[in-house]
Protein backbone atom coordinates (compact mmCIF):
# COMPACT_ATOMS: atom_id res chain seq x y z
CA MET A 1 0.00 0.00 0.00
CA THR A 2 1.18 3.54 -0.75
CA PHE A 3 1.09 6.14 2.01
CA TYR A 4 1.69 9.79 1.36
CA LYS A 5 1.31 13.12 3.04
CA LYS A 6 2.05 16.68 2.10
CA GLN A 7 4.81 18.55 3.92
CA LEU A 8 7.06 21.49 3.27
CA PHE A 9 9.64 20.09 0.85
CA THR A 10 12.81 21.57 2.30
CA LYS A 11 11.72 20.83 5.86
CA VAL A 12 11.20 17.17 5.00
CA LEU A 13 14.61 16.92 3.39
CA LEU A 14 16.18 18.06 6.62
CA SER A 15 13.98 15.97 8.90
CA THR A 16 14.67 12.75 7.00
CA ALA A 17 18.40 13.38 7.42
CA LEU A 18 18.92 12.70 3.75
CA LEU A 19 21.68 15.21 3.36
CA SER A 20 24.15 14.73 6.16
CA THR A 21 27.05 16.62 4.66
CA THR A 22 27.46 20.23 3.66
CA LEU A 23 28.56 22.29 0.72
CA VAL A 24 31.17 24.87 1.62
CA ALA A 25 31.59 27.43 -1.17
CA THR A 26 35.09 28.64 -1.89
CA SER A 27 35.68 30.99 -4.77
CA SER A 28 33.97 29.49 -7.83
CA HIS A 29 34.00 25.95 -6.49
CA ALA A 30 32.37 23.89 -3.78
CA ILE A 31 33.81 21.32 -1.44
CA VAL A 32 31.78 18.49 0.02
CA ASN A 33 33.59 17.54 3.20
CA GLU A 34 32.08 15.20 5.75
CA ALA A 35 34.09 16.61 8.63
CA SER A 36 32.71 20.14 8.34
CA ILE A 37 29.05 19.44 8.29
CA THR A 38 25.57 19.60 9.39
CA THR A 39 23.44 19.52 6.25
CA ILE A 40 23.84 19.66 2.51
CA THR A 41 22.05 22.51 0.90
CA THR A 42 20.86 21.51 -2.49
CA THR A 43 18.57 23.23 -4.92
CA VAL A 44 15.28 21.46 -5.37
CA HIS A 45 14.50 23.34 -8.56
CA ARG A 46 16.38 21.20 -11.09
CA GLU A 47 15.72 20.77 -14.74
CA ALA A 48 14.59 17.64 -16.54
CA ARG A 49 13.70 17.72 -20.18
CA GLU A 50 12.68 15.83 -23.30
CA PRO A 51 10.12 14.69 -22.55
CA GLU A 52 10.73 15.13 -18.84
CA ALA A 53 9.65 18.60 -17.81
CA ALA A 54 12.01 21.49 -17.15
CA THR A 55 12.04 22.35 -13.44
CA GLY A 56 14.75 25.00 -13.34
CA LEU A 57 18.46 25.24 -14.05
CA ALA A 58 20.75 25.02 -11.00
CA LYS A 59 24.10 26.75 -10.84
CA ASN A 60 26.22 23.75 -9.94
CA LYS A 61 29.89 24.16 -9.13
CA ALA A 62 32.72 21.68 -9.35
CA VAL A 63 33.22 19.53 -6.26
CA TYR A 64 36.71 18.56 -5.09
CA GLY A 65 37.70 15.47 -3.10
CA LYS A 66 40.71 13.39 -2.17
CA LYS A 67 39.61 9.88 -1.21
CA PHE A 68 36.47 8.77 -3.06
CA MET A 69 33.54 10.25 -4.96
CA VAL A 70 30.05 9.38 -6.17
CA VAL A 71 27.86 11.30 -8.63
CA ALA A 72 24.26 10.19 -9.17
CA ALA A 73 20.96 11.58 -10.41
CA ASN A 74 19.25 12.11 -7.07
CA PRO A 75 20.55 13.21 -3.63
CA TYR A 76 19.09 10.13 -1.94
CA ALA A 77 21.02 7.89 -4.34
CA SER A 78 24.29 9.81 -3.95
CA LYS A 79 23.91 9.53 -0.19
CA ALA A 80 23.48 5.74 -0.43
CA GLY A 81 26.60 5.36 -2.54
CA TYR A 82 28.54 7.64 -0.23
CA SER A 83 27.57 5.59 2.82
CA ILE A 84 28.85 2.41 1.17
CA LEU A 85 32.17 4.01 0.18
CA LYS A 86 32.54 5.34 3.72
CA GLN A 87 32.18 1.77 5.03
CA GLY A 88 35.10 0.71 2.83
CA GLY A 89 32.99 -0.61 0.00
CA SER A 90 34.24 -0.85 -3.56
CA ALA A 91 33.08 1.21 -6.52
CA VAL A 92 30.90 -1.75 -7.58
CA ASP A 93 29.39 -1.98 -4.08
CA ALA A 94 28.55 1.72 -4.14
CA ALA A 95 27.10 1.53 -7.66
CA ILE A 96 24.73 -1.25 -6.61
CA ALA A 97 23.50 0.61 -3.54
CA THR A 98 23.13 3.83 -5.54
CA GLU A 99 21.08 2.24 -8.32
CA LEU A 100 18.83 0.36 -5.92
CA VAL A 101 17.86 3.73 -4.43
CA LEU A 102 17.43 5.29 -7.87
CA ASN A 103 14.92 2.52 -8.63
CA LEU A 104 12.87 3.93 -5.75
CA VAL A 105 13.27 7.71 -6.07
CA GLU A 106 13.75 8.02 -9.85
CA LEU A 107 11.54 5.08 -10.79
CA GLN A 108 10.65 6.53 -14.19
CA SER A 109 14.23 6.20 -15.45
CA SER A 110 15.89 2.96 -14.34
CA GLY A 111 15.75 0.04 -11.94
CA ILE A 112 15.71 -3.72 -11.48
CA GLY A 113 13.00 -4.02 -14.13
CA GLY A 114 15.45 -2.76 -16.73
CA GLY A 115 19.04 -3.12 -17.88
CA THR A 116 22.47 -1.52 -17.63
CA PHE A 117 25.90 -1.10 -19.16
CA VAL A 118 28.83 -1.04 -16.73
CA LEU A 119 32.46 -0.13 -17.36
CA HIS A 120 34.74 -1.12 -14.48
CA TRP A 121 38.35 -0.03 -13.96
CA ASP A 122 40.49 -2.20 -11.70
CA ASN A 123 43.12 0.30 -10.57
CA GLN A 124 45.43 -2.28 -8.99
CA HIS A 125 45.72 -4.42 -12.11
CA HIS A 126 45.14 -1.60 -14.63
CA LYS A 127 42.38 -3.59 -16.25
CA MET A 128 39.01 -2.48 -17.62
CA VAL A 129 36.03 -4.68 -18.38
CA ALA A 130 32.56 -4.04 -19.79
CA PHE A 131 29.45 -5.79 -18.45
CA ASP A 132 26.59 -5.95 -20.97
CA GLY A 133 23.43 -6.02 -18.86
CA ARG A 134 21.12 -5.14 -21.73
CA GLU A 135 17.68 -6.76 -21.80
CA THR A 136 17.02 -9.65 -24.20
CA ALA A 137 14.04 -10.47 -26.38
CA PRO A 138 11.95 -13.53 -25.46
CA ALA A 139 12.76 -16.81 -27.20
CA LYS A 140 9.40 -16.69 -28.99
CA ALA A 141 9.96 -13.18 -30.38
CA THR A 142 10.23 -12.80 -34.16
CA SER A 143 10.95 -9.93 -36.53
CA SER A 144 7.20 -9.35 -36.88
CA LEU A 145 6.76 -8.52 -33.16
CA PHE A 146 5.88 -4.89 -33.84
CA LEU A 147 4.17 -5.28 -37.21
CA LYS A 148 0.46 -4.82 -37.78
CA ALA A 149 -1.64 -7.38 -39.66
CA ASN A 150 -0.98 -5.48 -42.91
CA GLY A 151 2.79 -5.82 -42.43
CA LYS A 152 3.31 -2.16 -41.54
CA PRO A 153 5.10 -1.26 -38.28
CA LEU A 154 3.14 0.01 -35.31
CA LYS A 155 3.43 3.60 -34.26
CA TRP A 156 6.16 3.76 -31.63
CA ILE A 157 3.86 4.99 -28.87
CA ASP A 158 1.45 2.13 -29.61
CA ALA A 159 4.28 -0.37 -29.20
CA VAL A 160 5.50 0.94 -25.84
CA VAL A 161 2.80 0.22 -23.27
CA GLY A 162 2.12 -3.29 -21.98
CA GLY A 163 3.78 -6.68 -22.08
CA ARG A 164 4.84 -6.90 -25.73
CA SER A 165 7.68 -4.39 -25.25
CA VAL A 166 9.22 -6.02 -22.15
CA GLY A 167 12.63 -7.68 -22.42
CA VAL A 168 14.30 -9.88 -19.80
CA PRO A 169 15.69 -7.42 -17.20
CA GLY A 170 19.48 -7.52 -16.93
CA LEU A 171 20.35 -5.15 -14.09
CA LEU A 172 20.39 -7.58 -11.14
CA ALA A 173 22.30 -10.27 -13.03
CA THR A 174 24.90 -7.65 -13.93
CA PHE A 175 25.18 -6.56 -10.32
CA LYS A 176 25.67 -10.16 -9.19
CA LYS A 177 28.41 -10.81 -11.74
CA ALA A 178 30.23 -7.55 -10.99
CA HIS A 179 29.91 -8.04 -7.24
CA ASP A 180 31.29 -11.57 -7.43
CA GLN A 181 34.44 -10.16 -9.04
CA TYR A 182 34.83 -6.72 -7.49
CA GLY A 183 32.60 -6.47 -4.42
CA LYS A 184 34.00 -6.04 -0.93
CA LEU A 185 30.99 -5.64 1.35
CA PRO A 186 28.37 -8.40 1.78
CA TRP A 187 25.64 -8.47 -0.89
CA ALA A 188 22.86 -7.91 1.66
CA THR A 189 24.56 -4.79 3.04
CA LEU A 190 24.17 -3.06 -0.31
CA PHE A 191 20.37 -3.29 -0.10
CA GLU A 192 20.08 -1.71 3.35
CA PRO A 193 19.87 2.00 2.33
CA ALA A 194 17.17 1.31 -0.27
CA ILE A 195 15.14 -0.98 2.01
CA LYS A 196 15.17 1.61 4.78
CA LEU A 197 14.12 4.38 2.41
CA ALA A 198 11.38 2.29 0.82
CA GLU A 199 10.00 1.38 4.25
CA ASN A 200 10.13 4.87 5.74
CA GLY A 201 9.38 6.89 2.63
CA PHE A 202 11.11 9.53 0.52
CA VAL A 203 10.24 13.06 -0.47
CA VAL A 204 8.72 13.38 -3.94
CA SER A 205 10.75 15.85 -5.98
CA PRO A 206 9.47 18.68 -8.21
CA ARG A 207 10.77 16.78 -11.21
CA LEU A 208 8.63 13.72 -10.56
CA GLU A 209 5.61 15.96 -10.02
CA LYS A 210 6.24 17.61 -13.41
CA LEU A 211 6.63 14.28 -15.17
CA LEU A 212 3.31 13.05 -13.89
CA GLY A 213 1.63 16.11 -15.32
CA MET A 214 3.03 15.69 -18.83
CA ASN A 215 1.20 12.52 -19.87
CA PHE A 216 3.95 11.39 -22.23
CA ASN A 217 3.40 7.76 -21.23
CA PRO A 218 -0.33 6.98 -21.44
CA GLY A 219 0.19 3.66 -19.68
CA ILE A 220 0.50 5.27 -16.25
CA HIS A 221 -3.16 6.27 -16.50
CA LYS A 222 -4.38 2.99 -17.99
CA LEU A 223 -2.71 0.24 -15.98
CA PRO A 224 -4.07 -0.12 -12.42
CA GLU A 225 -1.03 -0.84 -10.25
CA ILE A 226 1.13 2.04 -11.48
CA LYS A 227 -1.87 4.36 -11.56
CA HIS A 228 -2.66 3.61 -7.92
CA TYR A 229 0.98 4.19 -6.93
CA LEU A 230 1.48 7.48 -8.77
CA PHE A 231 -2.05 8.84 -8.51
CA PRO A 232 -3.27 7.93 -5.01
CA ASN A 233 -6.94 8.81 -4.55
CA GLY A 234 -6.99 9.74 -8.22
CA LYS A 235 -4.66 12.72 -7.81
CA PRO A 236 -1.01 12.88 -8.95
CA LEU A 237 1.79 12.96 -6.42
CA LYS A 238 3.06 16.43 -5.56
CA ALA A 239 6.50 17.69 -4.63
CA GLY A 240 6.90 17.37 -0.89
CA ASP A 241 4.67 14.30 -0.54
CA ILE A 242 6.17 11.35 1.32
CA LEU A 243 6.02 8.19 -0.79
CA VAL A 244 6.43 4.73 0.75
CA ASN A 245 6.98 1.55 -1.26
CA LYS A 246 6.48 -1.48 1.00
CA LYS A 247 6.31 -3.90 -1.92
CA LEU A 248 9.73 -2.86 -3.21
CA ALA A 249 11.17 -3.08 0.29
CA ASN A 250 9.88 -6.65 0.51
CA ALA A 251 11.28 -7.58 -2.91
CA TYR A 252 14.66 -6.07 -2.01
CA ARG A 253 14.69 -7.93 1.30
CA SER A 254 14.08 -11.21 -0.53
CA ILE A 255 16.82 -10.57 -3.12
CA ALA A 256 19.25 -9.44 -0.42
CA LYS A 257 18.70 -12.63 1.58
CA GLU A 258 18.27 -15.26 -1.14
CA GLY A 259 20.19 -13.80 -4.09
CA ILE A 260 19.09 -13.10 -7.65
CA ASP A 261 17.55 -16.54 -8.18
CA VAL A 262 14.32 -15.28 -6.64
CA PHE A 263 14.21 -12.68 -9.41
CA TYR A 264 15.17 -14.94 -12.33
CA LYS A 265 13.77 -18.30 -11.20
CA GLY A 266 11.66 -17.80 -8.09
CA TRP A 267 8.60 -15.92 -6.88
CA LEU A 268 9.56 -12.58 -8.43
CA ALA A 269 10.19 -14.20 -11.82
CA LYS A 270 6.71 -15.74 -11.66
CA LYS A 271 5.21 -12.33 -10.86
CA ILE A 272 7.07 -10.69 -13.76
CA VAL A 273 6.10 -13.34 -16.30
CA ALA A 274 2.46 -13.33 -15.20
CA LYS A 275 2.31 -9.55 -15.43
CA VAL A 276 3.74 -9.56 -18.96
CA GLN A 277 1.71 -12.46 -20.32
CA HIS A 278 -1.58 -11.26 -18.82
CA SER A 279 -1.14 -7.55 -19.39
CA ALA A 280 -4.42 -5.74 -20.03
CA ILE A 281 -2.62 -3.98 -22.87
CA ALA A 282 -0.54 -5.88 -25.47
CA PRO A 283 0.23 -9.15 -23.62
CA GLY A 284 3.82 -10.24 -24.15
CA LEU A 285 5.85 -13.37 -24.82
CA LEU A 286 8.21 -13.39 -21.84
CA SER A 287 8.48 -16.82 -20.16
CA MET A 288 10.03 -18.38 -17.07
CA GLN A 289 12.53 -20.06 -19.38
CA ASP A 290 13.56 -16.64 -20.74
CA MET A 291 14.11 -15.32 -17.23
CA ALA A 292 16.14 -18.32 -16.10
CA ALA A 293 18.30 -18.32 -19.23
CA TYR A 294 19.47 -14.71 -18.92
CA SER A 295 23.25 -14.20 -18.77
CA VAL A 296 25.61 -11.21 -18.74
CA PRO A 297 28.32 -11.11 -21.40
CA GLN A 298 31.61 -9.65 -20.21
CA ARG A 299 32.92 -7.77 -23.24
CA LYS A 300 36.11 -6.00 -24.23
CA PRO A 301 35.67 -2.21 -24.21
CA ILE A 302 36.08 -0.37 -27.52
CA CYS A 303 39.02 2.06 -27.38
CA ALA A 304 40.85 4.56 -29.62
CA HIS A 305 43.42 7.32 -29.24
CA TYR A 306 42.54 11.01 -29.34
CA HIS A 307 45.12 13.80 -28.90
CA GLY A 308 47.32 11.60 -26.73
CA TYR A 309 44.45 10.23 -24.63
CA ASN A 310 42.82 6.80 -24.84
CA LEU A 311 39.02 6.90 -25.16
CA CYS A 312 37.21 3.76 -24.03
CA GLY A 313 33.52 2.97 -24.17
CA MET A 314 30.86 0.33 -24.27
CA PRO A 315 30.92 -1.95 -27.32
CA PRO A 316 27.72 -3.27 -28.93
CA SER A 317 24.98 -4.03 -28.03
CA SER A 318 25.38 -0.33 -27.30
CA SER A 319 26.20 2.06 -30.13
CA GLY A 320 27.37 4.70 -27.66
CA GLY A 321 31.06 3.87 -27.33
CA ILE A 322 31.76 3.59 -31.06
CA ALA A 323 29.71 6.67 -31.99
CA VAL A 324 31.37 8.88 -29.35
CA ILE A 325 34.81 7.73 -30.48
CA GLN A 326 33.91 8.41 -34.11
CA ILE A 327 32.73 11.95 -33.37
CA LEU A 328 35.94 12.84 -31.57
CA LYS A 329 38.32 11.07 -33.94
CA GLN A 330 36.74 12.73 -36.99
CA LEU A 331 37.32 16.11 -35.32
CA GLU A 332 40.91 15.41 -34.27
CA ALA A 333 42.49 17.04 -37.33
CA PHE A 334 40.38 20.19 -36.87
CA ASN A 335 42.06 20.89 -33.52
CA LEU A 336 39.03 22.14 -31.62
CA SER A 337 41.24 23.74 -28.97
CA GLN A 338 41.78 26.68 -31.36
CA TYR A 339 38.09 27.60 -31.08
CA GLN A 340 36.12 28.97 -28.16
CA PRO A 341 33.62 26.55 -26.59
CA ASN A 342 30.32 26.73 -28.43
CA SER A 343 31.66 29.15 -31.01
CA LEU A 344 30.10 29.04 -34.46
CA GLU A 345 33.06 27.07 -35.84
CA ALA A 346 33.09 24.54 -33.00
CA VAL A 347 29.33 23.96 -33.11
CA HIS A 348 29.29 23.56 -36.88
CA LEU A 349 32.18 21.09 -36.90
CA PHE A 350 30.64 19.10 -34.05
CA THR A 351 27.31 18.73 -35.84
CA GLN A 352 29.00 17.55 -39.02
CA SER A 353 31.01 14.87 -37.26
CA SER A 354 27.88 13.79 -35.40
CA ARG A 355 25.99 13.42 -38.68
CA LEU A 356 28.65 11.02 -39.95
CA ALA A 357 28.70 8.98 -36.74
CA PHE A 358 24.91 8.61 -36.66
CA ALA A 359 24.86 7.53 -40.30
CA ASP A 360 27.23 4.66 -39.49
CA ARG A 361 25.39 3.87 -36.27
CA ASP A 362 22.04 3.52 -37.99
CA ARG A 363 23.42 1.12 -40.56
CA TYR A 364 25.87 -1.11 -38.76
CA LEU A 365 25.46 -1.20 -34.99
CA ALA A 366 23.50 -3.99 -33.32
CA ASP A 367 23.99 -6.99 -31.02
CA THR A 368 27.27 -8.63 -32.08
CA ASP A 369 26.02 -12.03 -30.94
CA PHE A 370 23.58 -11.89 -33.88
CA VAL A 371 25.04 -9.45 -36.40
CA SER A 372 28.50 -9.01 -37.89
CA VAL A 373 29.48 -5.50 -36.78
CA PRO A 374 32.70 -4.04 -38.28
CA MET A 375 33.81 -2.66 -34.92
CA ASN A 376 37.52 -2.32 -35.67
CA GLY A 377 36.80 -0.86 -39.08
CA LEU A 378 34.45 1.76 -37.65
CA VAL A 379 37.13 3.19 -35.33
CA ALA A 380 40.15 2.66 -37.60
CA ASP A 381 42.34 5.76 -38.04
CA ASP A 382 42.41 5.62 -41.84
CA TYR A 383 38.64 5.14 -42.12
CA LEU A 384 37.83 8.04 -39.79
CA ALA A 385 40.39 10.29 -41.48
CA LYS A 386 38.62 9.59 -44.77
CA ARG A 387 35.24 10.33 -43.21
CA ALA A 388 36.56 13.57 -41.72
CA LYS A 389 37.36 14.84 -45.22
CA LEU A 390 33.62 14.98 -45.87
CA ILE A 391 33.36 17.81 -43.33
CA ASN A 392 33.32 21.30 -44.84
CA ILE A 393 34.02 24.11 -42.38
CA ASN A 394 31.73 26.43 -44.35
CA VAL A 395 28.69 24.37 -45.33
CA ASP A 396 26.35 21.88 -43.67
CA MET A 397 26.68 18.55 -45.47
CA GLY A 398 22.97 17.73 -45.19
CA LYS A 399 21.99 14.13 -44.55
CA ALA A 400 25.14 12.03 -44.23
CA PHE A 401 25.39 8.51 -45.62
CA ALA A 402 27.02 5.54 -43.98
CA GLY A 403 30.56 4.80 -45.01
CA THR A 404 32.06 1.44 -45.91
CA PRO A 405 34.45 0.44 -43.12
CA GLN A 406 36.50 -2.71 -43.44
CA GLY A 407 34.33 -5.73 -42.74
CA ALA A 408 31.01 -4.02 -43.51
CA LEU A 409 28.06 -6.02 -44.83
CA VAL A 410 25.18 -4.73 -46.97
CA GLN A 411 22.34 -3.74 -44.63
CA ALA A 412 19.48 -1.26 -44.41
CA ASP A 413 19.46 1.80 -42.15
CA ASP A 414 17.62 1.53 -38.83
CA ASN A 415 14.67 3.70 -37.79
CA ALA A 416 14.44 2.78 -34.11
CA ILE A 417 13.41 5.48 -31.64
CA GLU A 418 15.19 5.63 -28.30
CA ARG A 419 13.70 7.65 -25.47
CA PRO A 420 15.67 9.61 -22.90
CA SER A 421 14.58 8.10 -19.57
CA THR A 422 17.84 6.72 -18.28
CA SER A 423 20.27 7.40 -15.42
CA HIS A 424 24.07 7.57 -15.17
CA ILE A 425 26.34 6.96 -12.17
CA SER A 426 30.06 7.79 -11.91
CA ILE A 427 32.02 6.45 -8.91
CA ILE A 428 35.65 6.21 -7.79
CA ASP A 429 36.46 4.35 -4.58
CA ALA A 430 39.31 4.82 -2.09
CA GLN A 431 41.54 2.38 -4.01
CA GLY A 432 41.06 4.22 -7.30
CA ASN A 433 38.74 1.62 -8.79
CA ALA A 434 36.04 3.17 -10.92
CA VAL A 435 32.56 2.50 -12.30
CA SER A 436 30.92 4.35 -15.17
CA MET A 437 27.40 2.92 -15.39
CA THR A 438 24.33 3.87 -17.40
CA SER A 439 20.99 2.18 -16.67
CA SER A 440 17.55 2.45 -18.21
CA ILE A 441 13.98 1.19 -18.52
CA GLU A 442 13.77 3.07 -21.90
CA ASN A 443 10.74 5.36 -22.07
CA GLY A 444 9.72 7.41 -19.04
CA PHE A 445 7.92 4.90 -16.73
CA GLY A 446 8.91 2.08 -19.13
CA SER A 447 6.15 -0.27 -20.23
CA ALA A 448 3.99 1.09 -17.36
CA LEU A 449 3.69 -2.47 -16.03
CA MET A 450 4.51 -2.46 -12.33
CA VAL A 451 5.53 -5.58 -10.39
CA GLU A 452 6.10 -5.57 -6.63
CA GLY A 453 6.93 -1.88 -6.57
CA PHE A 454 9.21 -1.62 -9.63
CA ILE A 455 8.50 -0.84 -13.29
CA LEU A 456 9.24 -3.21 -16.16
CA ASN A 457 11.15 -1.91 -19.16
CA ASN A 458 9.91 -1.36 -22.70
CA GLN A 459 13.38 -1.88 -24.18
CA LEU A 460 12.21 -4.08 -27.05
CA THR A 461 11.01 -0.89 -28.76
CA ASP A 462 14.72 -0.01 -29.14
CA PHE A 463 14.74 -2.58 -31.94
CA SER A 464 13.80 -1.32 -35.37
CA LEU A 465 10.04 -1.79 -35.48
CA ASP A 466 10.36 -2.44 -39.21
CA PRO A 467 12.71 -5.43 -39.76
CA LYS A 468 13.26 -4.72 -43.46
CA ARG A 469 13.68 -1.50 -45.38
CA ASN A 470 13.92 -1.29 -49.15
CA GLY A 471 14.13 -5.06 -49.28
CA LYS A 472 17.18 -5.26 -46.99
CA TRP A 473 17.32 -6.61 -43.46
CA VAL A 474 17.94 -4.08 -40.69
CA ALA A 475 20.80 -5.14 -38.39
CA ASN A 476 18.88 -4.03 -35.31
CA ARG A 477 15.72 -6.02 -36.02
CA VAL A 478 13.90 -8.14 -33.46
CA GLU A 479 15.21 -11.68 -33.10
CA ALA A 480 14.78 -14.27 -30.36
CA ASN A 481 17.13 -13.75 -27.38
CA LYS A 482 18.73 -10.72 -29.05
CA ARG A 483 19.71 -7.49 -27.28
CA PRO A 484 18.25 -4.29 -28.78
CA ARG A 485 20.73 -1.63 -29.79
CA SER A 486 21.26 1.15 -27.26
CA SER A 487 22.80 4.64 -27.31
CA MET A 488 23.93 4.51 -23.69
CA ALA A 489 27.53 5.67 -23.56
CA PRO A 490 29.35 5.18 -20.26
CA MET A 491 32.90 6.26 -21.07
CA MET A 492 36.34 6.28 -19.48
CA VAL A 493 39.29 8.36 -20.67
CA PHE A 494 42.89 7.47 -19.88
CA ASN A 495 46.13 9.42 -19.95
CA ALA A 496 49.06 8.34 -22.11
CA ASP A 497 50.52 6.39 -19.15
CA ASN A 498 47.25 4.40 -18.81
CA THR A 499 46.17 6.20 -15.65
CA LEU A 500 42.52 7.11 -15.34
CA LYS A 501 41.62 10.64 -16.47
CA LEU A 502 37.82 10.90 -16.72
CA LEU A 503 34.53 9.05 -16.11
CA VAL A 504 31.45 10.35 -17.88
CA GLY A 505 28.00 9.34 -19.10
CA SER A 506 24.47 10.66 -19.46
CA PRO A 507 20.81 9.85 -20.01
CA GLY A 508 19.05 11.34 -23.02
CA GLY A 509 18.03 8.67 -25.52
CA SER A 510 20.05 8.76 -28.72
CA ARG A 511 21.16 12.31 -27.84
CA ILE A 512 23.35 10.69 -25.16
CA ILE A 513 26.04 10.27 -27.79
CA ASP A 514 26.29 14.01 -28.44
CA TYR A 515 26.00 14.96 -24.77
CA VAL A 516 28.90 12.70 -23.80
CA ALA A 517 31.09 13.62 -26.79
CA GLN A 518 30.63 17.33 -26.14
CA THR A 519 31.54 16.94 -22.46
CA ILE A 520 34.72 15.01 -23.28
CA ILE A 521 35.71 17.72 -25.76
CA GLY A 522 35.12 20.31 -23.04
CA VAL A 523 37.56 18.58 -20.70
CA LEU A 524 40.22 17.40 -23.16
CA ASP A 525 40.25 20.20 -25.76
CA TRP A 526 39.07 23.24 -23.84
CA HIS A 527 40.58 22.24 -20.48
CA LEU A 528 37.38 22.88 -18.56
CA ASP A 529 36.72 21.17 -15.28
CA PRO A 530 33.96 18.50 -15.45
CA GLN A 531 31.29 20.83 -14.13
CA GLU A 532 32.16 23.57 -16.61
CA ALA A 533 32.09 21.02 -19.43
CA ILE A 534 28.72 19.67 -18.27
CA ASN A 535 27.33 23.20 -18.01
CA LEU A 536 28.12 23.97 -21.67
CA PRO A 537 25.00 24.73 -23.71
CA LYS A 538 24.02 21.51 -25.45
CA VAL A 539 24.09 20.99 -29.22
CA THR A 540 22.93 17.85 -31.03
CA ASN A 541 22.57 16.59 -34.57
CA ARG A 542 21.45 13.00 -35.11
CA ASN A 543 21.83 13.34 -38.89
CA TYR A 544 18.62 15.34 -39.21
CA ILE A 545 18.31 18.68 -37.46
CA THR A 546 20.83 20.82 -35.60
CA THR A 547 19.25 21.35 -32.18
CA LEU A 548 20.39 24.17 -29.90
CA GLU A 549 19.56 24.25 -26.20
CA LYS A 550 16.79 26.68 -25.40
CA GLY A 551 17.60 29.51 -23.02
CA THR A 552 21.37 29.35 -23.56
CA SER A 553 23.95 31.37 -25.48
CA VAL A 554 23.99 28.96 -28.42
CA GLU A 555 20.56 30.24 -29.42
CA LEU A 556 22.41 33.25 -30.84
CA LEU A 557 24.08 30.99 -33.44
CA LYS A 558 20.80 30.08 -35.13
CA SER A 559 21.02 32.59 -38.01
CA ALA A 560 24.70 31.98 -38.66
CA LEU A 561 24.17 28.21 -38.74
CA GLU A 562 21.20 28.61 -41.09
CA ALA A 563 23.44 30.66 -43.34
CA LYS A 564 25.68 27.57 -43.54
CA GLY A 565 22.69 25.46 -44.59
CA HIS A 566 21.65 24.00 -41.24
CA HIS A 567 18.02 23.29 -40.40
CA VAL A 568 17.99 24.61 -36.83
CA GLN A 569 15.64 23.85 -33.96
CA ILE A 570 15.74 25.46 -30.51
CA ARG A 571 14.37 23.34 -27.66
CA ASP A 572 14.95 22.08 -24.14
CA LEU A 573 17.61 19.37 -24.06
CA ASN A 574 17.45 16.80 -21.29
CA SER A 575 21.01 15.75 -20.53
CA GLY A 576 21.90 14.36 -17.12
CA ILE A 577 25.67 14.12 -17.34
CA HIS A 578 27.68 12.97 -14.34
CA ALA A 579 31.47 13.08 -14.51
CA ILE A 580 34.57 12.68 -12.36
CA GLU A 581 38.05 13.81 -13.39
CA VAL A 582 41.19 12.43 -11.76
CA THR A 583 43.86 15.10 -11.37
CA LYS A 584 47.20 15.32 -9.59
CA GLN A 585 45.46 17.31 -6.87
CA GLY A 586 42.62 14.80 -6.41
CA LEU A 587 39.13 14.17 -7.70
CA VAL A 588 36.92 16.75 -9.41
CA GLY A 589 33.22 15.97 -9.86
CA GLY A 590 30.34 17.50 -11.74
CA ALA A 591 26.57 16.89 -11.85
CA ASP A 592 24.26 18.12 -14.59
CA PRO A 593 22.37 21.26 -13.51
CA ARG A 594 19.46 20.20 -15.73
CA ARG A 595 18.44 17.44 -13.29
CA GLU A 596 18.62 16.63 -9.58
CA GLY A 597 22.12 15.14 -9.46
CA LEU A 598 24.56 15.55 -6.59
CA VAL A 599 28.29 14.95 -6.06
CA LEU A 600 29.40 13.56 -2.70
CA THR A 601 33.03 13.00 -1.78
CA GLN A 602 35.58 12.67 0.97
């Protein structure tokens, strides 16, 4: 049962002792230091966009630390990760605790009903691994899953809600595999902050209130369990309400005690499968066999050199790592450091390189367990140098076409739509181990199917709804047990001596790629600290329109870009970038002012 009551928002934050550290402003920066504290003051008016409503732009400042650091999308989650690091937990331990809380307080974006991509850096052995926790399609799924009787694809919004769009959740299996290798604290300990918060309640944020008023996911009004949770007594939750989730607390308690088998083979698996198969809207194909068969591939990160640094990201089934690397590598010869951040020249060049990367992404990138992806060819120096020659400093190239990297097969371009409801966590522990992790349930509030207090994903709509185009198969089509392509782009950047330089990632659907690439450019080329790089006005081009962030200085470039041939749109852009830079002086963290994120450190 859900219990809620209205209280003054800031008073509740203090009374729940959520923020037990303080921000001490010094010059243009802020230090979070546990020893000097009573409370953290944090702005509640944050911004969340596309389609998550704007709630105000905070003026975040860089945060400096010496020992460890966590950056997450909600203060409750950052606090949970911080508490684990303070107990001597590893970066993986802290990431698990942080995400379990995000499932509760930012339920529309990620959680145990969805999937994740995790990059882990083992600082002692100088080794990085990538855990692919992406959801998988049911064994009975076919390429016609999202086709109407006439053979035409469904409208995307009609495919989202209900059981048909649900893939096997991968988050908990990923956590178990990562914890087995890199965890230090007991598994059950990592669930304690989230269980306590779910039992006692958390303060509903202005952002969640805004999202409930936008009606961008019709399922939250149509399916009874989620409707009852988010609209108690028929009215939407308001900022300052206290929300309790006893069902999630019970599920967490069971997983903490008995392990993930209860989720993949036991009582929770049965609940998930029943909910999907008997959904009132679009019943799905997910089975107990699908749940039990789920596994987490441990993949080799995709890496390439850029101006003396080594960029490393998530390989497919995500397109993020390759696309970010392509954008930067294609710009390497243009030496962006000679331009001012967000100058006309820099913005134009960035959009052109992004066009080229998205053209390749839409043609070639998909689950490598099912499709031959020319990964090495796509990031090869000679190929990207050739692609870079297509960029004209004076004129927009218009729609870019995919290149022909070594190893490429003939395929059709994808038309999948990826929504921006996702969450990113960046963590460095006291031993220098690091996690860059992006998690998602896809659309805001996922499939709108709720099971035991958590929301099931709609990640299968990240497949191309149309399996063939112009008579050619699409690489990212639905197939049994296949992982849909993602744009999530957790990244790590290393110095020439293979020491860690930067962790970064973001939510934002397919715009993630541009958000992350732009932030890396800010740090590496323009020598900004992570917060300054995150604060940069956002610019995207996914090989269609050049989009400039509304209410920022880049709006002034509209006419000049149009003179170069750009089709320009000005709109809110919903990044949620969280980054940590490792410097000789210590750790420097940044949280996106467009959302509710918070940096905590010691």
